[in-house]
Amino acid sequence: MAAAAATKRSGDDVFLLYTGGTTGLPKGVMWRQDDMFCNLNATALFRYPEDLAWGEFAKHLPEGPPVHLPAAPLMHGAGSITSMSAFSQGGTVVLPPESDVLGGGDARCHRD
């Protein structure tokens, strides 16, 4: 098997999401910081103004931040990106204990 060609990277690359290979072979997809922010902001229940100055985010958080229980594993895009959306709004992500997803154990709560 031939070695993969080197990929040029941006200084803005922040998140490497591994796909499951639904449309082909599994692969890693790099998300840039700006793309991640735009995606999280566009899909959030609460949206930050695009011209918001750095350090002003806390003033715009909604009352009663979201509590999120991801249905997909965090290694999956659906689980990780929806959890990051909750964190970006000052919310909480609730995870079941390690391998006790369906066993009725106590859930653990992780705050950003």
PDB file of N, CA and C in Angstrom:
ATOM      1  N   MET A   1       0.847  -1.173   0.000  1.00  0.00           N
ATOM      2  CA  MET A   1       0.000   0.000   0.000  1.00  0.00           C
ATOM      3  C   MET A   1       0.893   1.237   0.000  1.00  0.00           C
ATOM      4  N   ALA A   2       0.569   2.193  -0.856  1.00  0.00           N
ATOM      5  CA  ALA A   2       1.353   3.416  -0.960  1.00  0.00           C
ATOM      6  C   ALA A   2       1.066   4.329   0.227  1.00  0.00           C
ATOM      7  N   ALA A   3       2.085   5.057   0.658  1.00  0.00           N
ATOM      8  CA  ALA A   3       1.926   6.001   1.767  1.00  0.00           C
ATOM      9  C   ALA A   3       1.031   7.156   1.331  1.00  0.00           C
ATOM     10  N   ALA A   4       0.224   7.648   2.238  1.00  0.00           N
ATOM     11  CA  ALA A   4      -0.651   8.779   1.939  1.00  0.00           C
ATOM     12  C   ALA A   4       0.182  10.032   1.734  1.00  0.00           C
ATOM     13  N   ALA A   5      -0.223  10.859   0.800  1.00  0.00           N
ATOM     14  CA  ALA A   5       0.475  12.117   0.540  1.00  0.00           C
ATOM     15  C   ALA A   5       0.276  13.058   1.717  1.00  0.00           C
ATOM     16  N   ALA A   6       1.312  13.835   2.025  1.00  0.00           N
ATOM     17  CA  ALA A   6       1.223  14.814   3.114  1.00  0.00           C
ATOM     18  C   ALA A   6       0.194  15.875   2.754  1.00  0.00           C
ATOM     19  N   THR A   7      -0.574  16.286   3.742  1.00  0.00           N
ATOM     20  CA  THR A   7      -1.598  17.301   3.542  1.00  0.00           C
ATOM     21  C   THR A   7      -1.123  18.602   4.149  1.00  0.00           C
ATOM     22  N   LYS A   8      -1.265  19.677   3.398  1.00  0.00           N
ATOM     23  CA  LYS A   8      -0.888  20.982   3.913  1.00  0.00           C
ATOM     24  C   LYS A   8      -1.900  21.391   4.977  1.00  0.00           C
ATOM     25  N   ARG A   9      -1.429  21.891   6.095  1.00  0.00           N
ATOM     26  CA  ARG A   9      -2.292  22.234   7.223  1.00  0.00           C
ATOM     27  C   ARG A   9      -2.337  23.736   7.422  1.00  0.00           C
ATOM     28  N   SER A  10      -3.437  24.184   7.966  1.00  0.00           N
ATOM     29  CA  SER A  10      -3.619  25.583   8.320  1.00  0.00           C
ATOM     30  C   SER A  10      -3.320  25.745   9.805  1.00  0.00           C
ATOM     31  N   GLY A  11      -2.913  26.912  10.234  1.00  0.00           N
ATOM     32  CA  GLY A  11      -2.733  27.175  11.657  1.00  0.00           C
ATOM     33  C   GLY A  11      -4.063  27.244  12.383  1.00  0.00           C
ATOM     34  N   ASP A  12      -5.161  27.202  11.626  1.00  0.00           N
ATOM     35  CA  ASP A  12      -6.508  27.303  12.176  1.00  0.00           C
ATOM     36  C   ASP A  12      -7.148  25.931  12.381  1.00  0.00           C
ATOM     37  N   ASP A  13      -6.439  24.839  12.041  1.00  0.00           N
ATOM     38  CA  ASP A  13      -6.977  23.489  12.217  1.00  0.00           C
ATOM     39  C   ASP A  13      -7.054  23.167  13.705  1.00  0.00           C
ATOM     40  N   VAL A  14      -8.245  22.755  14.177  1.00  0.00           N
ATOM     41  CA  VAL A  14      -8.389  22.496  15.609  1.00  0.00           C
ATOM     42  C   VAL A  14      -9.050  21.182  15.974  1.00  0.00           C
ATOM     43  N   PHE A  15      -9.790  20.569  15.070  1.00  0.00           N
ATOM     44  CA  PHE A  15     -10.583  19.410  15.446  1.00  0.00           C
ATOM     45  C   PHE A  15     -10.499  18.355  14.352  1.00  0.00           C
ATOM     46  N   LEU A  16     -10.003  17.176  14.717  1.00  0.00           N
ATOM     47  CA  LEU A  16      -9.910  16.072  13.771  1.00  0.00           C
ATOM     48  C   LEU A  16     -11.020  15.086  14.089  1.00  0.00           C
ATOM     49  N   LEU A  17     -11.995  14.986  13.199  1.00  0.00           N
ATOM     50  CA  LEU A  17     -13.145  14.114  13.361  1.00  0.00           C
ATOM     51  C   LEU A  17     -12.914  12.867  12.517  1.00  0.00           C
ATOM     52  N   TYR A  18     -12.998  11.708  13.135  1.00  0.00           N
ATOM     53  CA  TYR A  18     -12.858  10.459  12.391  1.00  0.00           C
ATOM     54  C   TYR A  18     -14.234   9.996  11.951  1.00  0.00           C
ATOM     55  N   THR A  19     -14.371   9.732  10.654  1.00  0.00           N
ATOM     56  CA  THR A  19     -15.648   9.266  10.132  1.00  0.00           C
ATOM     57  C   THR A  19     -15.705   7.746  10.230  1.00  0.00           C
ATOM     58  N   GLY A  20     -16.886   7.206  10.178  1.00  0.00           N
ATOM     59  CA  GLY A  20     -17.073   5.756  10.246  1.00  0.00           C
ATOM     60  C   GLY A  20     -16.986   5.081   8.892  1.00  0.00           C
ATOM     61  N   GLY A  21     -16.852   5.846   7.831  1.00  0.00           N
ATOM     62  CA  GLY A  21     -16.757   5.256   6.510  1.00  0.00           C
ATOM     63  C   GLY A  21     -18.100   4.952   5.878  1.00  0.00           C
ATOM     64  N   THR A  22     -19.129   5.666   6.250  1.00  0.00           N
ATOM     65  CA  THR A  22     -20.468   5.419   5.707  1.00  0.00           C
ATOM     66  C   THR A  22     -20.481   5.516   4.180  1.00  0.00           C
ATOM     67  N   THR A  23     -19.752   6.484   3.639  1.00  0.00           N
ATOM     68  CA  THR A  23     -19.732   6.685   2.188  1.00  0.00           C
ATOM     69  C   THR A  23     -18.447   6.164   1.547  1.00  0.00           C
ATOM     70  N   GLY A  24     -17.693   5.366   2.243  1.00  0.00           N
ATOM     71  CA  GLY A  24     -16.431   4.838   1.727  1.00  0.00           C
ATOM     72  C   GLY A  24     -15.575   4.377   2.894  1.00  0.00           C
ATOM     73  N   LEU A  25     -14.272   4.471   2.730  1.00  0.00           N
ATOM     74  CA  LEU A  25     -13.354   4.066   3.787  1.00  0.00           C
ATOM     75  C   LEU A  25     -13.375   5.084   4.936  1.00  0.00           C
ATOM     76  N   PRO A  26     -13.173   4.625   6.176  1.00  0.00           N
ATOM     77  CA  PRO A  26     -13.064   5.576   7.298  1.00  0.00           C
ATOM     78  C   PRO A  26     -11.899   6.534   7.062  1.00  0.00           C
ATOM     79  N   LYS A  27     -12.047   7.754   7.520  1.00  0.00           N
ATOM     80  CA  LYS A  27     -10.991   8.759   7.322  1.00  0.00           C
ATOM     81  C   LYS A  27     -11.114   9.853   8.372  1.00  0.00           C
ATOM     82  N   GLY A  28     -10.094  10.644   8.478  1.00  0.00           N
ATOM     83  CA  GLY A  28     -10.121  11.794   9.373  1.00  0.00           C
ATOM     84  C   GLY A  28     -10.469  13.050   8.589  1.00  0.00           C
ATOM     85  N   VAL A  29     -11.316  13.895   9.152  1.00  0.00           N
ATOM     86  CA  VAL A  29     -11.706  15.149   8.519  1.00  0.00           C
ATOM     87  C   VAL A  29     -11.306  16.278   9.463  1.00  0.00           C
ATOM     88  N   MET A  30     -10.477  17.196   8.970  1.00  0.00           N
ATOM     89  CA  MET A  30     -10.000  18.304   9.793  1.00  0.00           C
ATOM     90  C   MET A  30     -10.969  19.478   9.708  1.00  0.00           C
ATOM     91  N   TRP A  31     -11.354  19.994  10.869  1.00  0.00           N
ATOM     92  CA  TRP A  31     -12.201  21.183  10.941  1.00  0.00           C
ATOM     93  C   TRP A  31     -11.344  22.360  11.381  1.00  0.00           C
ATOM     94  N   ARG A  32     -11.491  23.479  10.688  1.00  0.00           N
ATOM     95  CA  ARG A  32     -10.813  24.709  11.101  1.00  0.00           C
ATOM     96  C   ARG A  32     -11.618  25.362  12.227  1.00  0.00           C
ATOM     97  N   GLN A  33     -10.946  26.168  13.042  1.00  0.00           N
ATOM     98  CA  GLN A  33     -11.605  26.825  14.165  1.00  0.00           C
ATOM     99  C   GLN A  33     -12.782  27.675  13.700  1.00  0.00           C
ATOM    100  N   ASP A  34     -12.612  28.454  12.648  1.00  0.00           N
ATOM    101  CA  ASP A  34     -13.679  29.317  12.172  1.00  0.00           C
ATOM    102  C   ASP A  34     -14.871  28.496  11.678  1.00  0.00           C
ATOM    103  N   ASP A  35     -14.598  27.384  10.974  1.00  0.00           N
ATOM    104  CA  ASP A  35     -15.682  26.521  10.501  1.00  0.00           C
ATOM    105  C   ASP A  35     -16.439  25.906  11.674  1.00  0.00           C
ATOM    106  N   MET A  36     -15.703  25.492  12.695  1.00  0.00           N
ATOM    107  CA  MET A  36     -16.336  24.885  13.867  1.00  0.00           C
ATOM    108  C   MET A  36     -17.223  25.921  14.569  1.00  0.00           C
ATOM    109  N   PHE A  37     -16.719  27.137  14.749  1.00  0.00           N
ATOM    110  CA  PHE A  37     -17.508  28.182  15.400  1.00  0.00           C
ATOM    111  C   PHE A  37     -18.767  28.488  14.593  1.00  0.00           C
ATOM    112  N   CYS A  38     -18.627  28.620  13.273  1.00  0.00           N
ATOM    113  CA  CYS A  38     -19.794  28.920  12.428  1.00  0.00           C
ATOM    114  C   CYS A  38     -20.819  27.794  12.481  1.00  0.00           C
ATOM    115  N   ASN A  39     -20.355  26.543  12.447  1.00  0.00           N
ATOM    116  CA  ASN A  39     -21.266  25.402  12.516  1.00  0.00           C
ATOM    117  C   ASN A  39     -21.987  25.355  13.862  1.00  0.00           C
ATOM    118  N   LEU A  40     -21.240  25.511  14.949  1.00  0.00           N
ATOM    119  CA  LEU A  40     -21.861  25.477  16.278  1.00  0.00           C
ATOM    120  C   LEU A  40     -22.845  26.627  16.453  1.00  0.00           C
ATOM    121  N   ASN A  41     -22.487  27.792  15.962  1.00  0.00           N
ATOM    122  CA  ASN A  41     -23.353  28.958  16.108  1.00  0.00           C
ATOM    123  C   ASN A  41     -24.605  28.823  15.240  1.00  0.00           C
ATOM    124  N   ALA A  42     -24.465  28.262  14.049  1.00  0.00           N
ATOM    125  CA  ALA A  42     -25.613  28.138  13.143  1.00  0.00           C
ATOM    126  C   ALA A  42     -26.620  27.098  13.620  1.00  0.00           C
ATOM    127  N   THR A  43     -26.152  26.073  14.330  1.00  0.00           N
ATOM    128  CA  THR A  43     -27.048  24.993  14.745  1.00  0.00           C
ATOM    129  C   THR A  43     -27.511  25.118  16.194  1.00  0.00           C
ATOM    130  N   ALA A  44     -27.035  26.120  16.909  1.00  0.00           N
ATOM    131  CA  ALA A  44     -27.370  26.273  18.324  1.00  0.00           C
ATOM    132  C   ALA A  44     -28.765  26.853  18.515  1.00  0.00           C
ATOM    133  N   LEU A  45     -29.374  26.519  19.639  1.00  0.00           N
ATOM    134  CA  LEU A  45     -30.655  27.115  19.996  1.00  0.00           C
ATOM    135  C   LEU A  45     -30.486  28.601  20.273  1.00  0.00           C
ATOM    136  N   PHE A  46     -29.312  28.967  20.803  1.00  0.00           N
ATOM    137  CA  PHE A  46     -28.978  30.362  21.073  1.00  0.00           C
ATOM    138  C   PHE A  46     -27.804  30.725  20.170  1.00  0.00           C
ATOM    139  N   ARG A  47     -27.888  31.830  19.456  1.00  0.00           N
ATOM    140  CA  ARG A  47     -26.807  32.230  18.535  1.00  0.00           C
ATOM    141  C   ARG A  47     -26.141  33.512  19.032  1.00  0.00           C
ATOM    142  N   TYR A  48     -24.805  33.495  18.979  1.00  0.00           N
ATOM    143  CA  TYR A  48     -24.035  34.683  19.314  1.00  0.00           C
ATOM    144  C   TYR A  48     -24.036  35.634  18.127  1.00  0.00           C
ATOM    145  N   PRO A  49     -24.072  36.950  18.367  1.00  0.00           N
ATOM    146  CA  PRO A  49     -23.935  37.891  17.248  1.00  0.00           C
ATOM    147  C   PRO A  49     -22.571  37.690  16.580  1.00  0.00           C
ATOM    148  N   GLU A  50     -22.531  37.736  15.246  1.00  0.00           N
ATOM    149  CA  GLU A  50     -21.277  37.477  14.533  1.00  0.00           C
ATOM    150  C   GLU A  50     -20.209  38.527  14.799  1.00  0.00           C
ATOM    151  N   ASP A  51     -20.607  39.748  15.146  1.00  0.00           N
ATOM    152  CA  ASP A  51     -19.631  40.811  15.390  1.00  0.00           C
ATOM    153  C   ASP A  51     -19.311  40.983  16.877  1.00  0.00           C
ATOM    154  N   LEU A  52     -19.598  39.977  17.672  1.00  0.00           N
ATOM    155  CA  LEU A  52     -19.380  40.036  19.114  1.00  0.00           C
ATOM    156  C   LEU A  52     -17.888  40.085  19.430  1.00  0.00           C
ATOM    157  N   ALA A  53     -17.490  41.020  20.281  1.00  0.00           N
ATOM    158  CA  ALA A  53     -16.087  41.153  20.669  1.00  0.00           C
ATOM    159  C   ALA A  53     -15.688  40.006  21.587  1.00  0.00           C
ATOM    160  N   TRP A  54     -14.415  39.580  21.488  1.00  0.00           N
ATOM    161  CA  TRP A  54     -13.909  38.520  22.345  1.00  0.00           C
ATOM    162  C   TRP A  54     -14.059  38.964  23.796  1.00  0.00           C
ATOM    163  N   GLY A  55     -14.495  38.081  24.650  1.00  0.00           N
ATOM    164  CA  GLY A  55     -14.678  38.415  26.053  1.00  0.00           C
ATOM    165  C   GLY A  55     -16.098  38.870  26.380  1.00  0.00           C
ATOM    166  N   GLU A  56     -16.942  39.035  25.371  1.00  0.00           N
ATOM    167  CA  GLU A  56     -18.316  39.474  25.581  1.00  0.00           C
ATOM    168  C   GLU A  56     -19.306  38.307  25.549  1.00  0.00           C
ATOM    169  N   PHE A  57     -18.819  37.096  25.333  1.00  0.00           N
ATOM    170  CA  PHE A  57     -19.705  35.943  25.178  1.00  0.00           C
ATOM    171  C   PHE A  57     -20.551  35.681  26.423  1.00  0.00           C
ATOM    172  N   ALA A  58     -19.946  35.774  27.600  1.00  0.00           N
ATOM    173  CA  ALA A  58     -20.664  35.441  28.839  1.00  0.00           C
ATOM    174  C   ALA A  58     -21.900  36.307  29.033  1.00  0.00           C
ATOM    175  N   LYS A  59     -21.840  37.554  28.582  1.00  0.00           N
ATOM    176  CA  LYS A  59     -22.977  38.465  28.734  1.00  0.00           C
ATOM    177  C   LYS A  59     -24.171  38.028  27.886  1.00  0.00           C
ATOM    178  N   HIS A  60     -23.922  37.200  26.880  1.00  0.00           N
ATOM    179  CA  HIS A  60     -24.974  36.807  25.943  1.00  0.00           C
ATOM    180  C   HIS A  60     -25.491  35.386  26.168  1.00  0.00           C
ATOM    181  N   LEU A  61     -25.008  34.714  27.208  1.00  0.00           N
ATOM    182  CA  LEU A  61     -25.477  33.355  27.467  1.00  0.00           C
ATOM    183  C   LEU A  61     -26.944  33.366  27.875  1.00  0.00           C
ATOM    184  N   PRO A  62     -27.693  32.391  27.408  1.00  0.00           N
ATOM    185  CA  PRO A  62     -29.110  32.337  27.782  1.00  0.00           C
ATOM    186  C   PRO A  62     -29.274  31.965  29.249  1.00  0.00           C
ATOM    187  N   GLU A  63     -30.405  32.303  29.818  1.00  0.00           N
ATOM    188  CA  GLU A  63     -30.705  31.862  31.174  1.00  0.00           C
ATOM    189  C   GLU A  63     -31.053  30.385  31.098  1.00  0.00           C
ATOM    190  N   GLY A  64     -30.611  29.611  32.041  1.00  0.00           N
ATOM    191  CA  GLY A  64     -30.889  28.190  32.014  1.00  0.00           C
ATOM    192  C   GLY A  64     -30.192  27.491  30.867  1.00  0.00           C
ATOM    193  N   PRO A  65     -28.857  27.390  30.899  1.00  0.00           N
ATOM    194  CA  PRO A  65     -28.120  26.759  29.807  1.00  0.00           C
ATOM    195  C   PRO A  65     -28.577  25.311  29.573  1.00  0.00           C
ATOM    196  N   PRO A  66     -28.348  24.786  28.372  1.00  0.00           N
ATOM    197  CA  PRO A  66     -28.857  23.453  28.028  1.00  0.00           C
ATOM    198  C   PRO A  66     -28.181  22.319  28.793  1.00  0.00           C
ATOM    199  N   VAL A  67     -28.919  21.249  28.978  1.00  0.00           N
ATOM    200  CA  VAL A  67     -28.390  19.993  29.493  1.00  0.00           C
ATOM    201  C   VAL A  67     -28.543  19.002  28.354  1.00  0.00           C
ATOM    202  N   HIS A  68     -27.446  18.347  27.984  1.00  0.00           N
ATOM    203  CA  HIS A  68     -27.437  17.494  26.786  1.00  0.00           C
ATOM    204  C   HIS A  68     -27.024  16.070  27.140  1.00  0.00           C
ATOM    205  N   LEU A  69     -27.776  15.102  26.674  1.00  0.00           N
ATOM    206  CA  LEU A  69     -27.439  13.693  26.801  1.00  0.00           C
ATOM    207  C   LEU A  69     -27.240  13.165  25.389  1.00  0.00           C
ATOM    208  N   PRO A  70     -25.981  13.039  24.934  1.00  0.00           N
ATOM    209  CA  PRO A  70     -25.753  12.603  23.548  1.00  0.00           C
ATOM    210  C   PRO A  70     -26.202  11.159  23.339  1.00  0.00           C
ATOM    211  N   ALA A  71     -26.927  10.933  22.242  1.00  0.00           N
ATOM    212  CA  ALA A  71     -27.363   9.581  21.895  1.00  0.00           C
ATOM    213  C   ALA A  71     -26.245   8.825  21.185  1.00  0.00           C
ATOM    214  N   ALA A  72     -25.423   9.542  20.431  1.00  0.00           N
ATOM    215  CA  ALA A  72     -24.302   8.925  19.714  1.00  0.00           C
ATOM    216  C   ALA A  72     -23.044   9.002  20.572  1.00  0.00           C
ATOM    217  N   PRO A  73     -22.085   8.094  20.369  1.00  0.00           N
ATOM    218  CA  PRO A  73     -20.821   8.174  21.122  1.00  0.00           C
ATOM    219  C   PRO A  73     -20.083   9.479  20.802  1.00  0.00           C
ATOM    220  N   LEU A  74     -19.257   9.942  21.730  1.00  0.00           N
ATOM    221  CA  LEU A  74     -18.530  11.197  21.522  1.00  0.00           C
ATOM    222  C   LEU A  74     -17.509  11.112  20.394  1.00  0.00           C
ATOM    223  N   MET A  75     -17.094   9.904  20.016  1.00  0.00           N
ATOM    224  CA  MET A  75     -16.167   9.784  18.890  1.00  0.00           C
ATOM    225  C   MET A  75     -16.878   9.974  17.555  1.00  0.00           C
ATOM    226  N   HIS A  76     -18.212   9.994  17.556  1.00  0.00           N
ATOM    227  CA  HIS A  76     -19.018  10.191  16.361  1.00  0.00           C
ATOM    228  C   HIS A  76     -19.310  11.685  16.216  1.00  0.00           C
ATOM    229  N   GLY A  77     -19.378  12.170  14.998  1.00  0.00           N
ATOM    230  CA  GLY A  77     -19.635  13.588  14.778  1.00  0.00           C
ATOM    231  C   GLY A  77     -20.913  14.067  15.448  1.00  0.00           C
ATOM    232  N   ALA A  78     -21.972  13.252  15.394  1.00  0.00           N
ATOM    233  CA  ALA A  78     -23.238  13.661  16.002  1.00  0.00           C
ATOM    234  C   ALA A  78     -23.100  13.829  17.512  1.00  0.00           C
ATOM    235  N   GLY A  79     -22.373  12.930  18.162  1.00  0.00           N
ATOM    236  CA  GLY A  79     -22.192  13.028  19.604  1.00  0.00           C
ATOM    237  C   GLY A  79     -21.262  14.157  20.005  1.00  0.00           C
ATOM    238  N   SER A  80     -20.133  14.289  19.297  1.00  0.00           N
ATOM    239  CA  SER A  80     -19.150  15.303  19.689  1.00  0.00           C
ATOM    240  C   SER A  80     -19.599  16.717  19.354  1.00  0.00           C
ATOM    241  N   ILE A  81     -20.164  16.926  18.169  1.00  0.00           N
ATOM    242  CA  ILE A  81     -20.524  18.285  17.772  1.00  0.00           C
ATOM    243  C   ILE A  81     -21.734  18.785  18.564  1.00  0.00           C
ATOM    244  N   THR A  82     -22.713  17.922  18.827  1.00  0.00           N
ATOM    245  CA  THR A  82     -23.854  18.372  19.637  1.00  0.00           C
ATOM    246  C   THR A  82     -23.423  18.642  21.078  1.00  0.00           C
ATOM    247  N   SER A  83     -22.455  17.880  21.572  1.00  0.00           N
ATOM    248  CA  SER A  83     -21.943  18.136  22.929  1.00  0.00           C
ATOM    249  C   SER A  83     -21.165  19.443  22.968  1.00  0.00           C
ATOM    250  N   MET A  84     -20.352  19.709  21.938  1.00  0.00           N
ATOM    251  CA  MET A  84     -19.629  20.987  21.881  1.00  0.00           C
ATOM    252  C   MET A  84     -20.610  22.151  21.797  1.00  0.00           C
ATOM    253  N   SER A  85     -21.733  21.943  21.128  1.00  0.00           N
ATOM    254  CA  SER A  85     -22.748  22.996  21.043  1.00  0.00           C
ATOM    255  C   SER A  85     -23.288  23.316  22.435  1.00  0.00           C
ATOM    256  N   ALA A  86     -23.576  22.283  23.223  1.00  0.00           N
ATOM    257  CA  ALA A  86     -24.054  22.521  24.591  1.00  0.00           C
ATOM    258  C   ALA A  86     -22.988  23.240  25.411  1.00  0.00           C
ATOM    259  N   PHE A  87     -21.729  22.791  25.309  1.00  0.00           N
ATOM    260  CA  PHE A  87     -20.647  23.451  26.051  1.00  0.00           C
ATOM    261  C   PHE A  87     -20.493  24.913  25.629  1.00  0.00           C
ATOM    262  N   SER A  88     -20.636  25.193  24.316  1.00  0.00           N
ATOM    263  CA  SER A  88     -20.438  26.562  23.825  1.00  0.00           C
ATOM    264  C   SER A  88     -21.517  27.512  24.328  1.00  0.00           C
ATOM    265  N   GLN A  89     -22.604  26.955  24.850  1.00  0.00           N
ATOM    266  CA  GLN A  89     -23.677  27.772  25.406  1.00  0.00           C
ATOM    267  C   GLN A  89     -23.664  27.742  26.937  1.00  0.00           C
ATOM    268  N   GLY A  90     -22.546  27.272  27.511  1.00  0.00           N
ATOM    269  CA  GLY A  90     -22.427  27.209  28.959  1.00  0.00           C
ATOM    270  C   GLY A  90     -23.200  26.055  29.562  1.00  0.00           C
ATOM    271  N   GLY A  91     -23.513  25.059  28.743  1.00  0.00           N
ATOM    272  CA  GLY A  91     -24.350  23.954  29.188  1.00  0.00           C
ATOM    273  C   GLY A  91     -23.593  22.795  29.788  1.00  0.00           C
ATOM    274  N   THR A  92     -24.342  21.739  30.039  1.00  0.00           N
ATOM    275  CA  THR A  92     -23.849  20.534  30.672  1.00  0.00           C
ATOM    276  C   THR A  92     -24.057  19.357  29.732  1.00  0.00           C
ATOM    277  N   VAL A  93     -23.087  18.443  29.701  1.00  0.00           N
ATOM    278  CA  VAL A  93     -23.218  17.198  28.944  1.00  0.00           C
ATOM    279  C   VAL A  93     -23.240  16.060  29.955  1.00  0.00           C
ATOM    280  N   VAL A  94     -24.288  15.262  29.924  1.00  0.00           N
ATOM    281  CA  VAL A  94     -24.457  14.143  30.844  1.00  0.00           C
ATOM    282  C   VAL A  94     -24.075  12.866  30.112  1.00  0.00           C
ATOM    283  N   LEU A  95     -23.178  12.098  30.709  1.00  0.00           N
ATOM    284  CA  LEU A  95     -22.708  10.848  30.112  1.00  0.00           C
ATOM    285  C   LEU A  95     -23.006   9.681  31.040  1.00  0.00           C
ATOM    286  N   PRO A  96     -23.404   8.541  30.473  1.00  0.00           N
ATOM    287  CA  PRO A  96     -23.580   7.348  31.314  1.00  0.00           C
ATOM    288  C   PRO A  96     -22.221   6.837  31.781  1.00  0.00           C
ATOM    289  N   PRO A  97     -22.174   6.045  32.837  1.00  0.00           N
ATOM    290  CA  PRO A  97     -20.903   5.467  33.269  1.00  0.00           C
ATOM    291  C   PRO A  97     -20.264   4.660  32.142  1.00  0.00           C
ATOM    292  N   GLU A  98     -18.988   4.414  32.261  1.00  0.00           N
ATOM    293  CA  GLU A  98     -18.183   3.812  31.198  1.00  0.00           C
ATOM    294  C   GLU A  98     -18.899   2.783  30.336  1.00  0.00           C
ATOM    295  N   SER A  99     -18.997   1.571  30.699  1.00  0.00           N
ATOM    296  CA  SER A  99     -19.591   0.589  29.801  1.00  0.00           C
ATOM    297  C   SER A  99     -20.996   0.209  30.227  1.00  0.00           C
ATOM    298  N   ASP A 100     -21.627   1.075  30.991  1.00  0.00           N
ATOM    299  CA  ASP A 100     -22.943   0.764  31.521  1.00  0.00           C
ATOM    300  C   ASP A 100     -24.025   1.595  30.837  1.00  0.00           C
ATOM    301  N   VAL A 101     -23.975   1.667  29.516  1.00  0.00           N
ATOM    302  CA  VAL A 101     -24.892   2.533  28.782  1.00  0.00           C
ATOM    303  C   VAL A 101     -26.345   2.138  29.007  1.00  0.00           C
ATOM    304  N   LEU A 102     -26.643   0.867  28.990  1.00  0.00           N
ATOM    305  CA  LEU A 102     -28.029   0.431  29.131  1.00  0.00           C
ATOM    306  C   LEU A 102     -28.296  -0.270  30.456  1.00  0.00           C
ATOM    307  N   GLY A 103     -27.311  -0.306  31.350  1.00  0.00           N
ATOM    308  CA  GLY A 103     -27.448  -1.093  32.560  1.00  0.00           C
ATOM    309  C   GLY A 103     -28.079  -0.407  33.745  1.00  0.00           C
ATOM    310  N   GLY A 104     -28.475   0.847  33.645  1.00  0.00           N
ATOM    311  CA  GLY A 104     -29.180   1.497  34.738  1.00  0.00           C
ATOM    312  C   GLY A 104     -28.293   2.070  35.823  1.00  0.00           C
ATOM    313  N   GLY A 105     -26.974   2.250  35.566  1.00  0.00           N
ATOM    314  CA  GLY A 105     -26.093   2.837  36.577  1.00  0.00           C
ATOM    315  C   GLY A 105     -26.299   4.338  36.673  1.00  0.00           C
ATOM    316  N   ASP A 106     -25.624   4.965  37.624  1.00  0.00           N
ATOM    317  CA  ASP A 106     -25.720   6.402  37.796  1.00  0.00           C
ATOM    318  C   ASP A 106     -25.011   7.114  36.639  1.00  0.00           C
ATOM    319  N   ALA A 107     -25.612   8.186  36.134  1.00  0.00           N
ATOM    320  CA  ALA A 107     -24.988   8.984  35.082  1.00  0.00           C
ATOM    321  C   ALA A 107     -24.016   9.968  35.725  1.00  0.00           C
ATOM    322  N   ARG A 108     -22.946  10.271  35.018  1.00  0.00           N
ATOM    323  CA  ARG A 108     -21.986  11.274  35.469  1.00  0.00           C
ATOM    324  C   ARG A 108     -22.249  12.564  34.713  1.00  0.00           C
ATOM    325  N   CYS A 109     -21.975  13.668  35.354  1.00  0.00           N
ATOM    326  CA  CYS A 109     -22.238  14.967  34.757  1.00  0.00           C
ATOM    327  C   CYS A 109     -20.917  15.688  34.548  1.00  0.00           C
ATOM    328  N   HIS A 110     -20.653  16.182  33.333  1.00  0.00           N
ATOM    329  CA  HIS A 110     -19.423  16.892  33.000  1.00  0.00           C
ATOM    330  C   HIS A 110     -19.776  18.303  32.589  1.00  0.00           C
ATOM    331  N   ARG A 111     -19.168  19.290  33.258  1.00  0.00           N
ATOM    332  CA  ARG A 111     -19.407  20.693  32.903  1.00  0.00           C
ATOM    333  C   ARG A 111     -18.155  21.253  32.277  1.00  0.00           C
ATOM    334  N   ASP A 112     -18.354  22.164  31.351  1.00  0.00           N
ATOM    335  CA  ASP A 112     -17.235  22.847  30.674  1.00  0.00           C
ATOM    336  C   ASP A 112     -16.570  23.791  31.663  1.00  0.00           C
TER     337      ASP A 112
END
